[in-house]
Amino acid sequence: MLGKLGIFFIAIGLAKIAWYLIWKDRKYTEQ
């Protein structure tokens, strides 16, 4: 249970970080 839940939360965390970095990069590119 903890393993599956842990992987799930880690996946969400990585997705959030990746999305944030991409959004930040696009914002700088537009300026």
C-alpha atoms as a PDB file:
ATOM      1  CA  MET A   1       0.000   0.000   0.000  1.00  0.00           C
ATOM      2  CA  LEU A   2       2.681   2.482   1.022  1.00  0.00           C
ATOM      3  CA  GLY A   3       4.747   1.578  -2.047  1.00  0.00           C
ATOM      4  CA  LYS A   4       1.930   2.233  -4.515  1.00  0.00           C
ATOM      5  CA  LEU A   5       0.843   5.384  -2.705  1.00  0.00           C
ATOM      6  CA  GLY A   6       4.437   6.606  -2.507  1.00  0.00           C
ATOM      7  CA  ILE A   7       5.016   6.068  -6.227  1.00  0.00           C
ATOM      8  CA  PHE A   8       1.727   7.866  -6.957  1.00  0.00           C
ATOM      9  CA  PHE A   9       2.686  10.924  -4.893  1.00  0.00           C
ATOM     10  CA  ILE A  10       6.225  10.978  -6.318  1.00  0.00           C
ATOM     11  CA  ALA A  11       4.784  10.891  -9.852  1.00  0.00           C
ATOM     12  CA  ILE A  12       2.497  13.839  -9.057  1.00  0.00           C
ATOM     13  CA  GLY A  13       5.386  15.753  -7.499  1.00  0.00           C
ATOM     14  CA  LEU A  14       7.631  15.200 -10.527  1.00  0.00           C
ATOM     15  CA  ALA A  15       4.801  16.194 -12.888  1.00  0.00           C
ATOM     16  CA  LYS A  16       4.221  19.417 -10.925  1.00  0.00           C
ATOM     17  CA  ILE A  17       7.944  20.267 -10.952  1.00  0.00           C
ATOM     18  CA  ALA A  18       8.231  19.512 -14.687  1.00  0.00           C
ATOM     19  CA  TRP A  19       5.099  21.580 -15.480  1.00  0.00           C
ATOM     20  CA  TYR A  20       6.390  24.478 -13.366  1.00  0.00           C
ATOM     21  CA  LEU A  21       9.802  24.450 -15.072  1.00  0.00           C
ATOM     22  CA  ILE A  22       8.197  24.326 -18.551  1.00  0.00           C
ATOM     23  CA  TRP A  23       5.763  27.164 -17.666  1.00  0.00           C
ATOM     24  CA  LYS A  24       8.598  29.246 -16.215  1.00  0.00           C
ATOM     25  CA  ASP A  25      10.720  28.638 -19.327  1.00  0.00           C
ATOM     26  CA  ARG A  26       7.851  29.640 -21.646  1.00  0.00           C
ATOM     27  CA  LYS A  27       7.219  32.813 -19.641  1.00  0.00           C
ATOM     28  CA  TYR A  28      10.859  33.872 -19.998  1.00  0.00           C
ATOM     29  CA  THR A  29      10.844  33.018 -23.715  1.00  0.00           C
ATOM     30  CA  GLU A  30       7.790  35.195 -24.376  1.00  0.00           C
ATOM     31  CA  GLN A  31       9.402  38.282 -22.837  1.00  0.00           C
END
